[in-house]
Amino acid sequence: MEFSFTDSQPLFKQVAEQIETAILNGSFAEGDQVPSTTEISKRYQLNPATVLKGVNLLVSKQLIEKKRGIGMFVLSGARERLREEYSKAFLNNHVSELITEAKNLGITSDKLIEMIEKGYE
């Protein structure tokens, strides 16, 4: 995990995003235990209340659950929910801009698809 103290994004959101990324890339699989609030705050020298706020975001999104006295665990289906959420954001933030720019440049949908396919090669 890496945190930016100069970023405009609040630290609690960075904590949540870092854990989400770890769930998405499989570092934290469904059922895996996530480092505790205390572990994260000590390791990265963050205020425990800040870390807790980030963790609570993930609990409210039903990505992790707290088991009192045991720890925090990734919920079943968390990775798929995150993929759906990030895919929608990708569509809204990047694909729409790409299509608008392509239209402005006179690139047809067929040509754009061809260009994208070349990018995958």
Protein backbone atom coordinates (compact mmCIF):
# COMPACT_ATOMS: atom_id res chain seq x y z
CA MET A 1 0.00 0.00 0.00
CA GLU A 2 1.14 3.50 -0.76
CA PHE A 3 -0.46 6.70 0.46
CA SER A 4 -0.01 10.25 -0.71
CA PHE A 5 -0.25 12.91 1.95
CA THR A 6 -0.25 15.63 -0.74
CA ASP A 7 -3.02 14.09 -2.85
CA SER A 8 -6.32 15.93 -2.99
CA GLN A 9 -8.07 12.64 -2.25
CA PRO A 10 -8.65 12.14 1.49
CA LEU A 11 -6.53 9.47 3.18
CA PHE A 12 -9.55 7.42 4.27
CA LYS A 13 -10.59 7.09 0.62
CA GLN A 14 -7.03 6.12 -0.30
CA VAL A 15 -7.17 3.38 2.35
CA ALA A 16 -10.45 2.07 0.91
CA GLU A 17 -9.11 2.21 -2.66
CA GLN A 18 -5.90 0.39 -1.75
CA ILE A 19 -7.87 -2.46 -0.22
CA GLU A 20 -10.29 -2.50 -3.16
CA THR A 21 -7.35 -2.76 -5.56
CA ALA A 22 -5.93 -5.65 -3.55
CA ILE A 23 -9.30 -7.42 -3.76
CA LEU A 24 -9.53 -6.76 -7.51
CA ASN A 25 -6.05 -8.06 -8.29
CA GLY A 26 -6.48 -11.11 -6.05
CA SER A 27 -4.04 -10.12 -3.31
CA PHE A 28 -7.00 -10.43 -0.93
CA ALA A 29 -9.19 -13.29 -2.12
CA GLU A 30 -12.75 -13.84 -0.97
CA GLY A 31 -12.64 -15.17 2.57
CA ASP A 32 -9.14 -13.82 3.20
CA GLN A 33 -8.43 -11.78 6.29
CA VAL A 34 -7.59 -8.13 5.66
CA PRO A 35 -4.98 -6.39 7.85
CA SER A 36 -6.55 -4.82 10.90
CA THR A 37 -7.09 -1.12 11.35
CA THR A 38 -4.30 -1.12 13.93
CA GLU A 39 -1.88 -2.94 11.61
CA ILE A 40 -2.52 -0.54 8.73
CA SER A 41 -2.31 2.57 10.92
CA LYS A 42 0.97 1.46 12.54
CA ARG A 43 2.63 0.22 9.35
CA TYR A 44 1.81 3.36 7.34
CA GLN A 45 1.78 5.82 10.24
CA LEU A 46 -1.84 6.82 9.70
CA ASN A 47 -4.35 7.92 12.28
CA PRO A 48 -6.39 4.85 13.35
CA ALA A 49 -9.62 6.86 12.99
CA THR A 50 -8.71 7.63 9.37
CA VAL A 51 -8.07 3.96 8.61
CA LEU A 52 -11.29 2.98 10.37
CA LYS A 53 -13.25 5.44 8.24
CA GLY A 54 -11.81 3.87 5.07
CA VAL A 55 -12.54 0.36 6.31
CA ASN A 56 -16.10 1.35 7.21
CA LEU A 57 -16.60 2.48 3.60
CA LEU A 58 -15.76 -1.04 2.48
CA VAL A 59 -18.09 -2.53 5.08
CA SER A 60 -20.93 -0.28 3.88
CA LYS A 61 -20.23 -1.36 0.27
CA GLN A 62 -20.48 -4.97 1.46
CA LEU A 63 -16.94 -5.81 0.34
CA ILE A 64 -15.56 -6.78 3.73
CA GLU A 65 -17.07 -7.80 7.03
CA LYS A 66 -15.87 -7.33 10.58
CA LYS A 67 -15.96 -10.35 12.83
CA ARG A 68 -15.70 -9.07 16.37
CA GLY A 69 -12.56 -10.30 18.08
CA ILE A 70 -11.37 -12.13 14.97
CA GLY A 71 -10.73 -9.54 12.26
CA MET A 72 -11.93 -8.29 8.91
CA PHE A 73 -12.58 -10.59 5.97
CA VAL A 74 -13.31 -10.19 2.24
CA LEU A 75 -16.91 -11.13 1.53
CA SER A 76 -17.99 -13.59 -1.12
CA GLY A 77 -18.75 -11.80 -4.39
CA ALA A 78 -16.66 -8.74 -3.46
CA ARG A 79 -14.32 -9.04 -6.45
CA GLU A 80 -17.19 -9.31 -8.93
CA ARG A 81 -19.01 -6.32 -7.36
CA LEU A 82 -15.81 -4.28 -7.65
CA ARG A 83 -15.32 -5.33 -11.29
CA GLU A 84 -18.83 -4.17 -12.10
CA GLU A 85 -18.32 -0.87 -10.27
CA TYR A 86 -14.93 -0.19 -11.89
CA SER A 87 -16.23 -1.22 -15.33
CA LYS A 88 -19.07 1.29 -15.08
CA ALA A 89 -16.62 3.99 -14.00
CA PHE A 90 -14.30 3.06 -16.88
CA LEU A 91 -17.17 3.34 -19.33
CA ASN A 92 -18.32 6.69 -17.95
CA ASN A 93 -14.87 8.23 -17.54
CA HIS A 94 -12.77 6.83 -20.36
CA VAL A 95 -14.78 5.15 -23.10
CA SER A 96 -17.20 8.06 -23.44
CA GLU A 97 -14.26 10.48 -23.77
CA LEU A 98 -12.59 8.19 -26.32
CA ILE A 99 -15.73 8.03 -28.46
CA THR A 100 -16.23 11.80 -28.29
CA GLU A 101 -12.62 12.42 -29.32
CA ALA A 102 -12.87 9.85 -32.12
CA LYS A 103 -15.99 11.56 -33.46
CA ASN A 104 -14.25 14.94 -33.30
CA LEU A 105 -11.38 13.49 -35.35
CA GLY A 106 -13.73 11.90 -37.87
CA ILE A 107 -12.79 8.35 -36.88
CA THR A 108 -15.58 5.92 -37.69
CA SER A 109 -16.71 3.28 -35.20
CA ASP A 110 -15.24 0.57 -37.46
CA LYS A 111 -11.89 2.33 -37.59
CA LEU A 112 -11.93 2.90 -33.82
CA ILE A 113 -12.62 -0.81 -33.21
CA GLU A 114 -9.75 -1.67 -35.56
CA MET A 115 -7.45 0.68 -33.67
CA ILE A 116 -8.46 -0.83 -30.33
CA GLU A 117 -7.91 -4.36 -31.63
CA LYS A 118 -4.41 -3.37 -32.79
CA GLY A 119 -3.72 -2.05 -29.30
CA TYR A 120 -4.48 -5.49 -27.87
CA GLU A 121 -1.94 -7.20 -30.14
